[in-house]
């Protein structure tokens, strides 16, 4: 089955909408994939409830092979959906800036009343907790950024290399097929042409491309 017959579902992060993934979707279309944006209420529904919505959305596509690409909390939502519904269509998974070990910035934000309100239902069972290590029987690629520009610089809760919102160490998923650190901020991960190219490579071959010297 070639890429033209395969679907990629893109899942946005907390406090965002599907539109934030539109540029990446367009670039993945350029690689030959059908793309679908999954839009969900990050504040009003729990992680488990949104995972059910994602599973229902994927089931409605009637696609034989479905790859999943998630940014930030969207990646955690993907893992939750796969954990709860192992019978979803086959495909590869890419996580971008996903704090699978729990988000230090979210924990710091959640410690204040306004921050707790802002994060809403997405926090508990989601950003505040680590997800189980990879036991879902799928190839998964993890992309982290190390350009320290973002909200975390003001809120604190970060240490070591980070993308301004999520620490590189927070993205480490035991059992991931391949991992990649790129010079991008948390937000620019979804806008980067280079990141899009790496995602295409992983979806096709199950690994990221080896960067050329000086890239």
N, C-alpha and C. Protein backbone atom coordinates (compact mmCIF):
# COMPACT_ATOMS: atom_id res chain seq x y z
N UNK A 1 0.86 -1.20 0.00
CA UNK A 1 0.00 0.00 0.00
C UNK A 1 0.89 1.24 0.00
N UNK A 2 0.71 2.12 -0.96
CA UNK A 2 1.55 3.30 -0.99
C UNK A 2 0.93 4.42 -0.18
N UNK A 3 1.70 5.53 -0.05
CA UNK A 3 1.27 6.62 0.82
C UNK A 3 -0.04 7.23 0.37
N UNK A 4 -0.33 7.18 -0.94
CA UNK A 4 -1.55 7.79 -1.43
C UNK A 4 -2.79 7.13 -0.84
N UNK A 5 -2.66 5.88 -0.40
CA UNK A 5 -3.79 5.15 0.15
C UNK A 5 -3.82 5.23 1.68
N UNK A 6 -2.90 5.95 2.26
CA UNK A 6 -2.80 6.00 3.71
C UNK A 6 -3.26 7.36 4.25
N UNK A 7 -3.79 7.32 5.45
CA UNK A 7 -4.32 8.52 6.10
C UNK A 7 -3.48 8.88 7.30
N UNK A 8 -3.29 10.18 7.51
CA UNK A 8 -2.61 10.68 8.70
C UNK A 8 -3.60 11.54 9.47
N UNK A 9 -3.83 11.21 10.73
CA UNK A 9 -4.67 12.02 11.61
C UNK A 9 -3.75 12.87 12.49
N UNK A 10 -3.95 14.18 12.47
CA UNK A 10 -3.13 15.10 13.25
C UNK A 10 -3.92 15.59 14.46
N UNK A 11 -3.28 15.53 15.63
CA UNK A 11 -3.95 15.83 16.89
C UNK A 11 -3.22 16.98 17.59
N UNK A 12 -3.91 18.08 17.84
CA UNK A 12 -3.31 19.27 18.42
C UNK A 12 -3.16 19.14 19.94
N UNK A 13 -2.51 20.14 20.54
CA UNK A 13 -2.25 20.14 21.96
C UNK A 13 -3.25 20.98 22.75
N UNK A 14 -2.94 21.15 24.04
CA UNK A 14 -3.83 21.83 24.97
C UNK A 14 -4.02 23.30 24.59
N UNK A 15 -5.24 23.79 24.78
CA UNK A 15 -5.63 25.18 24.52
C UNK A 15 -5.49 25.57 23.06
N UNK A 16 -5.43 24.60 22.17
CA UNK A 16 -5.31 24.84 20.73
C UNK A 16 -6.52 24.26 20.02
N UNK A 17 -6.56 24.44 18.71
CA UNK A 17 -7.57 23.81 17.86
C UNK A 17 -6.86 23.11 16.71
N UNK A 18 -7.61 22.38 15.93
CA UNK A 18 -7.03 21.67 14.81
C UNK A 18 -6.33 22.56 13.80
N UNK A 19 -6.73 23.83 13.76
CA UNK A 19 -6.15 24.74 12.77
C UNK A 19 -4.65 24.91 12.93
N UNK A 20 -4.14 24.73 14.17
CA UNK A 20 -2.72 24.90 14.40
C UNK A 20 -1.90 23.84 13.65
N UNK A 21 -2.55 22.75 13.26
CA UNK A 21 -1.87 21.67 12.55
C UNK A 21 -2.01 21.77 11.03
N UNK A 22 -2.62 22.85 10.55
CA UNK A 22 -2.93 22.96 9.13
C UNK A 22 -1.69 23.02 8.24
N UNK A 23 -0.66 23.75 8.67
CA UNK A 23 0.57 23.85 7.86
C UNK A 23 1.22 22.48 7.75
N UNK A 24 1.33 21.78 8.87
CA UNK A 24 1.92 20.44 8.85
C UNK A 24 1.09 19.50 7.98
N UNK A 25 -0.23 19.61 8.08
CA UNK A 25 -1.10 18.77 7.25
C UNK A 25 -0.84 18.99 5.77
N UNK A 26 -0.68 20.24 5.39
CA UNK A 26 -0.41 20.55 3.99
C UNK A 26 0.91 19.94 3.52
N UNK A 27 1.90 19.97 4.39
CA UNK A 27 3.20 19.39 4.02
C UNK A 27 3.15 17.87 3.94
N UNK A 28 2.37 17.25 4.80
CA UNK A 28 2.24 15.80 4.73
C UNK A 28 1.44 15.39 3.49
N UNK A 29 0.51 16.23 3.08
CA UNK A 29 -0.19 15.97 1.81
C UNK A 29 0.81 15.98 0.66
N UNK A 30 1.80 16.87 0.77
CA UNK A 30 2.84 16.92 -0.26
C UNK A 30 3.66 15.65 -0.32
N UNK A 31 3.67 14.88 0.75
CA UNK A 31 4.35 13.58 0.77
C UNK A 31 3.45 12.47 0.25
N UNK A 32 2.21 12.82 -0.10
CA UNK A 32 1.30 11.85 -0.68
C UNK A 32 0.25 11.29 0.24
N UNK A 33 0.12 11.83 1.44
CA UNK A 33 -0.85 11.29 2.39
C UNK A 33 -2.17 12.05 2.37
N UNK A 34 -3.25 11.34 2.63
CA UNK A 34 -4.52 11.97 2.96
C UNK A 34 -4.40 12.42 4.42
N UNK A 35 -4.79 13.64 4.73
CA UNK A 35 -4.66 14.14 6.10
C UNK A 35 -6.02 14.54 6.66
N UNK A 36 -6.17 14.32 7.97
CA UNK A 36 -7.38 14.69 8.68
C UNK A 36 -6.99 15.37 9.98
N UNK A 37 -7.64 16.50 10.29
CA UNK A 37 -7.39 17.22 11.54
C UNK A 37 -8.43 16.82 12.57
N UNK A 38 -7.97 16.32 13.72
CA UNK A 38 -8.88 15.98 14.80
C UNK A 38 -8.95 17.16 15.76
N UNK A 39 -10.15 17.73 15.91
CA UNK A 39 -10.36 18.88 16.79
C UNK A 39 -11.14 18.42 18.01
N UNK A 40 -10.67 18.77 19.19
CA UNK A 40 -11.33 18.30 20.42
C UNK A 40 -11.25 19.37 21.50
N UNK A 41 -12.16 19.35 22.47
CA UNK A 41 -12.17 20.34 23.55
C UNK A 41 -11.15 19.98 24.62
N UNK A 42 -10.07 20.70 24.70
CA UNK A 42 -8.99 20.32 25.62
C UNK A 42 -9.32 20.63 27.07
N UNK A 43 -10.19 21.60 27.32
CA UNK A 43 -10.48 22.00 28.69
C UNK A 43 -11.71 21.31 29.26
N UNK A 44 -12.73 21.09 28.44
CA UNK A 44 -14.01 20.63 28.94
C UNK A 44 -14.08 19.12 29.17
N UNK A 45 -13.29 18.36 28.43
CA UNK A 45 -13.35 16.90 28.52
C UNK A 45 -12.07 16.34 29.12
N UNK A 46 -12.20 15.23 29.80
CA UNK A 46 -11.03 14.55 30.35
C UNK A 46 -10.24 13.88 29.22
N UNK A 47 -9.03 13.46 29.54
CA UNK A 47 -8.21 12.75 28.56
C UNK A 47 -8.92 11.49 28.07
N UNK A 48 -9.52 10.75 28.98
CA UNK A 48 -10.20 9.51 28.59
C UNK A 48 -11.39 9.79 27.68
N UNK A 49 -12.17 10.84 27.99
CA UNK A 49 -13.31 11.18 27.14
C UNK A 49 -12.86 11.60 25.75
N UNK A 50 -11.79 12.39 25.69
CA UNK A 50 -11.29 12.81 24.38
C UNK A 50 -10.68 11.64 23.62
N UNK A 51 -10.12 10.68 24.34
CA UNK A 51 -9.60 9.48 23.68
C UNK A 51 -10.74 8.71 23.00
N UNK A 52 -11.89 8.67 23.65
CA UNK A 52 -13.06 8.01 23.03
C UNK A 52 -13.48 8.76 21.77
N UNK A 53 -13.45 10.10 21.83
CA UNK A 53 -13.80 10.89 20.65
C UNK A 53 -12.83 10.63 19.50
N UNK A 54 -11.54 10.52 19.83
CA UNK A 54 -10.53 10.25 18.80
C UNK A 54 -10.76 8.88 18.18
N UNK A 55 -11.03 7.89 19.00
CA UNK A 55 -11.28 6.54 18.48
C UNK A 55 -12.49 6.53 17.55
N UNK A 56 -13.53 7.25 17.95
CA UNK A 56 -14.74 7.33 17.12
C UNK A 56 -14.44 8.04 15.80
N UNK A 57 -13.65 9.11 15.87
CA UNK A 57 -13.28 9.87 14.68
C UNK A 57 -12.51 8.98 13.70
N UNK A 58 -11.55 8.22 14.21
CA UNK A 58 -10.75 7.34 13.35
C UNK A 58 -11.63 6.25 12.75
N UNK A 59 -12.55 5.71 13.54
CA UNK A 59 -13.43 4.68 13.02
C UNK A 59 -14.32 5.18 11.90
N UNK A 60 -14.66 6.46 11.93
CA UNK A 60 -15.51 7.04 10.90
C UNK A 60 -14.80 7.32 9.60
N UNK A 61 -13.47 7.22 9.59
CA UNK A 61 -12.71 7.49 8.36
C UNK A 61 -12.77 6.34 7.38
N UNK A 62 -13.07 5.14 7.87
CA UNK A 62 -13.11 3.95 7.03
C UNK A 62 -11.83 3.81 6.22
N UNK A 63 -10.71 3.99 6.91
CA UNK A 63 -9.39 3.88 6.27
C UNK A 63 -8.69 2.61 6.75
N UNK A 64 -8.00 1.95 5.83
CA UNK A 64 -7.33 0.71 6.18
C UNK A 64 -6.08 0.90 7.03
N UNK A 65 -5.35 1.97 6.76
CA UNK A 65 -4.11 2.24 7.49
C UNK A 65 -4.13 3.70 7.92
N UNK A 66 -3.98 3.94 9.22
CA UNK A 66 -4.09 5.29 9.76
C UNK A 66 -2.87 5.58 10.63
N UNK A 67 -2.07 6.56 10.21
CA UNK A 67 -0.95 7.03 11.02
C UNK A 67 -1.45 8.15 11.93
N UNK A 68 -0.83 8.29 13.09
CA UNK A 68 -1.25 9.30 14.07
C UNK A 68 -0.07 10.19 14.41
N UNK A 69 -0.29 11.50 14.32
CA UNK A 69 0.76 12.49 14.61
C UNK A 69 0.19 13.46 15.64
N UNK A 70 0.84 13.54 16.79
CA UNK A 70 0.33 14.40 17.85
C UNK A 70 1.36 15.40 18.33
N UNK A 71 0.89 16.60 18.62
CA UNK A 71 1.75 17.65 19.17
C UNK A 71 1.41 17.85 20.64
N UNK A 72 2.42 17.87 21.49
CA UNK A 72 2.26 18.17 22.90
C UNK A 72 1.24 17.21 23.53
N UNK A 73 0.19 17.74 24.18
CA UNK A 73 -0.79 16.86 24.82
C UNK A 73 -1.51 15.98 23.80
N UNK A 74 -1.54 16.41 22.54
CA UNK A 74 -2.16 15.57 21.51
C UNK A 74 -1.50 14.22 21.40
N UNK A 75 -0.18 14.17 21.64
CA UNK A 75 0.51 12.88 21.62
C UNK A 75 0.08 12.00 22.77
N UNK A 76 -0.14 12.60 23.94
CA UNK A 76 -0.59 11.83 25.09
C UNK A 76 -2.01 11.30 24.85
N UNK A 77 -2.82 12.10 24.17
CA UNK A 77 -4.16 11.65 23.83
C UNK A 77 -4.11 10.44 22.90
N UNK A 78 -3.21 10.47 21.94
CA UNK A 78 -3.04 9.34 21.03
C UNK A 78 -2.67 8.08 21.81
N UNK A 79 -1.72 8.19 22.73
CA UNK A 79 -1.31 7.02 23.51
C UNK A 79 -2.45 6.49 24.36
N UNK A 80 -3.23 7.39 24.94
CA UNK A 80 -4.38 6.97 25.74
C UNK A 80 -5.39 6.22 24.86
N UNK A 81 -5.66 6.74 23.66
CA UNK A 81 -6.61 6.09 22.76
C UNK A 81 -6.13 4.70 22.36
N UNK A 82 -4.84 4.57 22.09
CA UNK A 82 -4.29 3.27 21.71
C UNK A 82 -4.32 2.29 22.87
N UNK A 83 -4.09 2.81 24.06
CA UNK A 83 -4.13 1.96 25.25
C UNK A 83 -5.54 1.43 25.49
N UNK A 84 -6.53 2.29 25.32
CA UNK A 84 -7.91 1.90 25.59
C UNK A 84 -8.54 1.12 24.44
N UNK A 85 -8.00 1.30 23.22
CA UNK A 85 -8.63 0.69 22.04
C UNK A 85 -7.57 0.06 21.14
N UNK A 86 -7.03 -1.09 21.54
CA UNK A 86 -5.94 -1.72 20.77
C UNK A 86 -6.35 -2.19 19.38
N UNK A 87 -7.65 -2.20 19.08
CA UNK A 87 -8.10 -2.67 17.78
C UNK A 87 -8.19 -1.60 16.71
N UNK A 88 -7.63 -0.42 16.96
CA UNK A 88 -7.68 0.64 15.95
C UNK A 88 -6.85 0.24 14.71
N UNK A 89 -7.14 0.83 13.55
CA UNK A 89 -6.42 0.48 12.33
C UNK A 89 -4.90 0.59 12.51
N UNK A 90 -4.13 -0.23 11.80
CA UNK A 90 -2.68 -0.19 11.92
C UNK A 90 -2.09 1.10 11.36
N UNK A 91 -0.90 1.44 11.82
CA UNK A 91 -0.20 2.63 11.34
C UNK A 91 0.88 3.03 12.32
N UNK A 92 1.72 3.95 11.90
CA UNK A 92 2.79 4.45 12.75
C UNK A 92 2.35 5.68 13.52
N UNK A 93 3.14 6.04 14.53
CA UNK A 93 2.80 7.16 15.42
C UNK A 93 4.02 8.06 15.56
N UNK A 94 3.78 9.37 15.49
CA UNK A 94 4.84 10.36 15.77
C UNK A 94 4.34 11.31 16.84
N UNK A 95 5.16 11.50 17.87
CA UNK A 95 4.87 12.44 18.94
C UNK A 95 5.84 13.61 18.83
N UNK A 96 5.32 14.84 18.89
CA UNK A 96 6.16 16.03 18.83
C UNK A 96 6.02 16.83 20.13
N UNK A 97 7.12 16.99 20.84
CA UNK A 97 7.07 17.78 22.07
C UNK A 97 6.04 17.29 23.06
N UNK A 98 5.88 15.97 23.15
CA UNK A 98 4.87 15.39 24.04
C UNK A 98 5.49 15.03 25.39
N UNK A 99 4.99 15.61 26.47
CA UNK A 99 5.58 15.36 27.79
C UNK A 99 5.09 14.05 28.40
N UNK A 100 5.54 12.93 27.84
CA UNK A 100 5.05 11.63 28.28
C UNK A 100 5.46 11.31 29.72
N UNK A 101 6.45 12.03 30.24
CA UNK A 101 6.86 11.85 31.63
C UNK A 101 6.14 12.83 32.57
N UNK A 102 5.16 13.55 32.03
CA UNK A 102 4.48 14.58 32.80
C UNK A 102 5.13 15.93 32.54
N UNK A 103 4.34 16.97 32.58
CA UNK A 103 4.82 18.31 32.24
C UNK A 103 5.11 19.13 33.50
N UNK A 104 6.36 19.51 33.69
CA UNK A 104 6.73 20.37 34.81
C UNK A 104 6.05 21.72 34.74
N UNK A 105 5.92 22.26 33.53
CA UNK A 105 5.26 23.55 33.36
C UNK A 105 3.79 23.44 33.73
N UNK A 106 3.12 22.38 33.30
CA UNK A 106 1.72 22.19 33.64
C UNK A 106 1.53 22.03 35.14
N UNK A 107 2.45 21.32 35.78
CA UNK A 107 2.35 21.15 37.23
C UNK A 107 2.49 22.49 37.94
N UNK A 108 3.41 23.32 37.45
CA UNK A 108 3.59 24.63 38.04
C UNK A 108 2.33 25.49 37.82
N UNK A 109 1.79 25.44 36.61
CA UNK A 109 0.58 26.21 36.30
C UNK A 109 -0.60 25.73 37.12
N UNK A 110 -0.71 24.42 37.31
CA UNK A 110 -1.84 23.83 38.02
C UNK A 110 -1.83 24.16 39.51
N UNK A 111 -0.69 24.57 40.02
CA UNK A 111 -0.59 24.87 41.44
C UNK A 111 -1.26 26.20 41.80
N UNK A 112 -1.65 26.98 40.78
CA UNK A 112 -2.34 28.26 40.99
C UNK A 112 -3.79 28.13 40.52
N UNK A 113 -4.71 28.79 41.22
CA UNK A 113 -6.12 28.71 40.87
C UNK A 113 -6.42 29.06 39.42
N UNK A 114 -5.94 30.21 38.93
CA UNK A 114 -6.21 30.56 37.53
C UNK A 114 -5.62 29.55 36.56
N UNK A 115 -4.45 29.02 36.89
CA UNK A 115 -3.83 28.03 36.02
C UNK A 115 -4.62 26.73 36.00
N UNK A 116 -5.17 26.36 37.15
CA UNK A 116 -5.99 25.15 37.24
C UNK A 116 -7.24 25.32 36.37
N UNK A 117 -7.82 26.51 36.42
CA UNK A 117 -8.99 26.79 35.58
C UNK A 117 -8.61 26.75 34.10
N UNK A 118 -7.46 27.31 33.77
CA UNK A 118 -7.03 27.38 32.37
C UNK A 118 -6.83 25.99 31.77
N UNK A 119 -6.18 25.12 32.51
CA UNK A 119 -5.92 23.77 32.00
C UNK A 119 -7.18 22.92 31.99
N UNK A 120 -8.06 23.16 32.93
CA UNK A 120 -9.33 22.44 32.95
C UNK A 120 -9.17 20.94 33.12
N UNK A 121 -10.07 20.19 32.51
CA UNK A 121 -10.12 18.74 32.68
C UNK A 121 -8.95 18.02 32.03
N UNK A 122 -8.18 18.73 31.22
CA UNK A 122 -7.07 18.09 30.52
C UNK A 122 -5.91 17.74 31.44
N UNK A 123 -5.86 18.34 32.61
CA UNK A 123 -4.70 18.19 33.48
C UNK A 123 -4.65 16.82 34.17
N UNK A 124 -5.65 16.54 34.99
CA UNK A 124 -5.65 15.28 35.71
C UNK A 124 -5.87 14.12 34.75
N UNK A 125 -5.03 13.10 34.87
CA UNK A 125 -5.09 12.00 33.94
C UNK A 125 -4.43 12.34 32.61
N UNK A 126 -3.80 13.52 32.55
CA UNK A 126 -3.18 13.96 31.30
C UNK A 126 -1.82 14.57 31.53
N UNK A 127 -1.75 15.89 31.46
CA UNK A 127 -0.46 16.58 31.49
C UNK A 127 0.30 16.43 32.80
N UNK A 128 -0.39 16.14 33.89
CA UNK A 128 0.28 16.08 35.18
C UNK A 128 0.91 14.71 35.45
N UNK A 129 0.60 13.73 34.63
CA UNK A 129 1.03 12.37 34.91
C UNK A 129 1.83 11.78 33.75
N UNK A 130 2.69 10.83 34.07
CA UNK A 130 3.41 10.09 33.04
C UNK A 130 2.47 9.07 32.41
N UNK A 131 2.67 8.79 31.13
CA UNK A 131 1.90 7.74 30.47
C UNK A 131 2.65 6.42 30.60
N UNK A 132 1.96 5.30 30.46
CA UNK A 132 2.66 4.00 30.52
C UNK A 132 3.69 3.90 29.41
N UNK A 133 4.76 3.15 29.67
CA UNK A 133 5.76 2.96 28.63
C UNK A 133 5.15 2.22 27.45
N UNK A 134 5.84 2.31 26.30
CA UNK A 134 5.28 1.86 25.03
C UNK A 134 5.09 0.35 25.01
N UNK A 135 3.84 -0.09 25.10
CA UNK A 135 3.52 -1.50 25.06
C UNK A 135 2.36 -1.75 24.09
N UNK A 136 2.22 -0.88 23.09
CA UNK A 136 1.03 -0.90 22.24
C UNK A 136 1.25 -1.62 20.90
N UNK A 137 2.43 -2.17 20.68
CA UNK A 137 2.68 -2.94 19.47
C UNK A 137 2.74 -2.12 18.21
N UNK A 138 3.14 -0.85 18.31
CA UNK A 138 3.27 0.02 17.14
C UNK A 138 4.63 0.68 17.10
N UNK A 139 5.04 1.04 15.89
CA UNK A 139 6.27 1.82 15.74
C UNK A 139 5.96 3.27 16.10
N UNK A 140 6.80 3.84 16.94
CA UNK A 140 6.56 5.21 17.38
C UNK A 140 7.83 6.02 17.30
N UNK A 141 7.72 7.21 16.75
CA UNK A 141 8.84 8.15 16.68
C UNK A 141 8.60 9.33 17.59
N UNK A 142 9.63 9.75 18.29
CA UNK A 142 9.53 10.87 19.23
C UNK A 142 10.42 12.01 18.76
N UNK A 143 9.84 13.19 18.59
CA UNK A 143 10.60 14.38 18.21
C UNK A 143 10.51 15.39 19.35
N UNK A 144 11.67 15.87 19.79
CA UNK A 144 11.73 16.90 20.84
C UNK A 144 12.45 18.12 20.29
N UNK A 145 12.13 19.28 20.82
CA UNK A 145 12.82 20.51 20.44
C UNK A 145 13.74 20.97 21.55
N UNK A 146 14.77 21.73 21.17
CA UNK A 146 15.69 22.25 22.20
C UNK A 146 15.98 23.74 22.01
N UNK A 147 15.04 24.45 21.35
CA UNK A 147 15.15 25.91 21.27
C UNK A 147 14.35 26.49 22.43
N UNK A 148 15.00 27.05 23.45
CA UNK A 148 14.33 27.46 24.69
C UNK A 148 13.56 28.77 24.57
N UNK A 149 12.48 28.74 23.81
CA UNK A 149 11.64 29.92 23.63
C UNK A 149 10.19 29.50 23.85
N UNK A 150 9.53 30.04 24.91
CA UNK A 150 8.15 29.67 25.13
C UNK A 150 7.66 30.04 26.52
N UNK A 151 6.42 29.65 26.81
CA UNK A 151 5.75 30.05 28.05
C UNK A 151 6.46 29.52 29.29
N UNK A 152 7.12 28.38 29.15
CA UNK A 152 7.79 27.80 30.30
C UNK A 152 8.91 28.66 30.85
N UNK A 153 9.46 29.52 30.02
CA UNK A 153 10.53 30.41 30.47
C UNK A 153 10.01 31.36 31.55
N UNK A 154 8.74 31.71 31.48
CA UNK A 154 8.15 32.61 32.47
C UNK A 154 7.59 31.86 33.67
N UNK A 155 7.04 30.67 33.43
CA UNK A 155 6.37 29.93 34.49
C UNK A 155 7.33 29.11 35.35
N UNK A 156 8.46 28.72 34.78
CA UNK A 156 9.36 27.82 35.49
C UNK A 156 8.90 26.38 35.33
N UNK A 157 9.59 25.48 36.02
CA UNK A 157 9.25 24.06 35.92
C UNK A 157 10.06 23.32 34.89
N UNK A 158 11.05 24.00 34.28
CA UNK A 158 11.88 23.36 33.26
C UNK A 158 13.32 23.25 33.75
N UNK A 159 13.98 22.20 33.30
CA UNK A 159 15.41 22.04 33.59
C UNK A 159 16.05 21.29 32.43
N UNK A 160 17.34 21.41 32.29
CA UNK A 160 18.03 20.76 31.19
C UNK A 160 17.63 21.35 29.85
N UNK A 161 17.82 20.59 28.78
CA UNK A 161 17.43 21.04 27.45
C UNK A 161 15.91 21.04 27.33
N UNK A 162 15.37 22.07 26.68
CA UNK A 162 13.92 22.15 26.54
C UNK A 162 13.56 23.03 25.35
N UNK A 163 12.27 23.00 24.99
CA UNK A 163 11.79 23.77 23.83
C UNK A 163 11.03 25.02 24.25
N UNK A 164 11.22 25.44 25.50
CA UNK A 164 10.51 26.59 26.02
C UNK A 164 9.23 26.22 26.74
N UNK A 165 8.75 25.01 26.56
CA UNK A 165 7.53 24.54 27.22
C UNK A 165 7.68 23.13 27.78
N UNK A 166 8.36 22.27 27.04
CA UNK A 166 8.53 20.86 27.42
C UNK A 166 10.01 20.51 27.42
N UNK A 167 10.46 19.86 28.47
CA UNK A 167 11.85 19.42 28.54
C UNK A 167 12.11 18.21 27.66
N UNK A 168 13.31 18.14 27.08
CA UNK A 168 13.65 16.98 26.26
C UNK A 168 13.49 15.69 27.07
N UNK A 169 13.92 15.71 28.33
CA UNK A 169 13.80 14.52 29.18
C UNK A 169 12.34 14.12 29.40
N UNK A 170 11.43 15.10 29.35
CA UNK A 170 10.01 14.81 29.55
C UNK A 170 9.40 14.08 28.36
N UNK A 171 10.06 14.10 27.21
CA UNK A 171 9.54 13.45 26.01
C UNK A 171 10.02 12.01 25.86
N UNK A 172 10.89 11.55 26.74
CA UNK A 172 11.52 10.23 26.58
C UNK A 172 10.52 9.11 26.87
N UNK A 173 10.24 8.30 25.87
CA UNK A 173 9.30 7.20 25.99
C UNK A 173 10.04 5.89 25.85
N UNK A 174 10.03 5.09 26.89
CA UNK A 174 10.68 3.79 26.85
C UNK A 174 10.06 2.93 25.75
N UNK A 175 10.87 2.35 24.90
CA UNK A 175 10.37 1.49 23.84
C UNK A 175 10.06 2.21 22.54
N UNK A 176 10.31 3.52 22.47
CA UNK A 176 10.10 4.24 21.21
C UNK A 176 11.01 3.66 20.14
N UNK A 177 10.54 3.63 18.91
CA UNK A 177 11.32 3.08 17.80
C UNK A 177 12.50 3.96 17.44
N UNK A 178 12.29 5.27 17.44
CA UNK A 178 13.34 6.21 17.08
C UNK A 178 13.05 7.55 17.77
N UNK A 179 14.10 8.28 18.06
CA UNK A 179 13.96 9.59 18.70
C UNK A 179 14.83 10.60 17.96
N UNK A 180 14.41 11.86 18.02
CA UNK A 180 15.12 12.92 17.32
C UNK A 180 14.96 14.22 18.10
N UNK A 181 16.06 14.95 18.27
CA UNK A 181 16.01 16.28 18.87
C UNK A 181 16.37 17.30 17.80
N UNK A 182 15.50 18.29 17.62
CA UNK A 182 15.70 19.30 16.58
C UNK A 182 15.77 20.67 17.23
N UNK A 183 16.40 21.60 16.53
CA UNK A 183 16.50 22.97 17.03
C UNK A 183 15.22 23.72 16.70
N UNK A 184 14.21 23.53 17.53
CA UNK A 184 12.90 24.16 17.32
C UNK A 184 12.28 24.42 18.68
N UNK A 185 11.44 25.44 18.75
CA UNK A 185 10.67 25.70 19.96
C UNK A 185 9.43 24.82 19.96
N UNK A 186 8.71 24.83 21.06
CA UNK A 186 7.53 23.99 21.17
C UNK A 186 6.52 24.31 20.07
N UNK A 187 6.27 25.58 19.85
CA UNK A 187 5.30 25.99 18.83
C UNK A 187 5.81 25.73 17.42
N UNK A 188 7.09 26.00 17.18
CA UNK A 188 7.61 25.87 15.81
C UNK A 188 7.76 24.42 15.36
N UNK A 189 7.63 23.46 16.27
CA UNK A 189 7.67 22.06 15.85
C UNK A 189 6.61 21.76 14.79
N UNK A 190 5.44 22.37 14.92
CA UNK A 190 4.35 22.09 13.96
C UNK A 190 4.46 22.94 12.70
N UNK A 191 5.38 23.89 12.70
CA UNK A 191 5.53 24.78 11.54
C UNK A 191 6.79 24.50 10.74
N UNK A 192 7.69 23.73 11.29
CA UNK A 192 9.00 23.50 10.68
C UNK A 192 8.91 22.58 9.46
N UNK A 193 9.46 23.03 8.35
CA UNK A 193 9.52 22.21 7.14
C UNK A 193 10.41 20.99 7.37
N UNK A 194 11.50 21.19 8.11
CA UNK A 194 12.42 20.08 8.38
C UNK A 194 11.74 19.00 9.23
N UNK A 195 10.98 19.42 10.24
CA UNK A 195 10.26 18.46 11.05
C UNK A 195 9.24 17.69 10.21
N UNK A 196 8.53 18.39 9.35
CA UNK A 196 7.56 17.72 8.47
C UNK A 196 8.24 16.66 7.62
N UNK A 197 9.43 16.99 7.10
CA UNK A 197 10.16 16.02 6.30
C UNK A 197 10.56 14.79 7.11
N UNK A 198 10.95 15.01 8.36
CA UNK A 198 11.31 13.88 9.22
C UNK A 198 10.09 13.02 9.53
N UNK A 199 8.94 13.65 9.71
CA UNK A 199 7.72 12.89 9.95
C UNK A 199 7.39 12.03 8.74
N UNK A 200 7.47 12.61 7.56
CA UNK A 200 7.22 11.83 6.33
C UNK A 200 8.15 10.63 6.25
N UNK A 201 9.42 10.83 6.59
CA UNK A 201 10.38 9.74 6.53
C UNK A 201 10.00 8.63 7.50
N UNK A 202 9.59 9.02 8.72
CA UNK A 202 9.22 8.00 9.70
C UNK A 202 7.96 7.25 9.28
N UNK A 203 6.98 7.96 8.76
CA UNK A 203 5.75 7.29 8.35
C UNK A 203 6.00 6.31 7.21
N UNK A 204 6.94 6.62 6.34
CA UNK A 204 7.26 5.73 5.22
C UNK A 204 8.12 4.55 5.64
N UNK A 205 9.15 4.83 6.47
CA UNK A 205 10.20 3.84 6.68
C UNK A 205 10.34 3.35 8.13
N UNK A 206 9.67 3.99 9.06
CA UNK A 206 9.76 3.55 10.44
C UNK A 206 10.97 4.08 11.18
N UNK A 207 11.64 5.07 10.60
CA UNK A 207 12.76 5.72 11.29
C UNK A 207 12.94 7.13 10.72
N UNK A 208 13.61 7.98 11.49
CA UNK A 208 13.90 9.32 11.01
C UNK A 208 15.11 9.30 10.10
N UNK A 209 15.20 10.32 9.23
CA UNK A 209 16.35 10.42 8.33
C UNK A 209 17.56 10.86 9.14
N UNK A 210 18.72 10.39 8.76
CA UNK A 210 19.96 10.80 9.41
C UNK A 210 20.31 12.20 8.92
N UNK A 211 20.38 13.20 9.83
CA UNK A 211 20.68 14.57 9.40
C UNK A 211 22.05 14.64 8.71
N UNK A 212 22.14 15.46 7.67
CA UNK A 212 23.42 15.65 7.02
C UNK A 212 24.33 16.50 7.89
N UNK A 213 25.65 16.40 7.73
CA UNK A 213 26.57 17.19 8.55
C UNK A 213 26.23 18.68 8.47
N UNK A 214 26.13 19.33 9.63
CA UNK A 214 25.86 20.75 9.68
C UNK A 214 24.41 21.11 9.54
N UNK A 215 23.50 20.08 9.39
CA UNK A 215 22.09 20.37 9.22
C UNK A 215 21.45 20.78 10.54
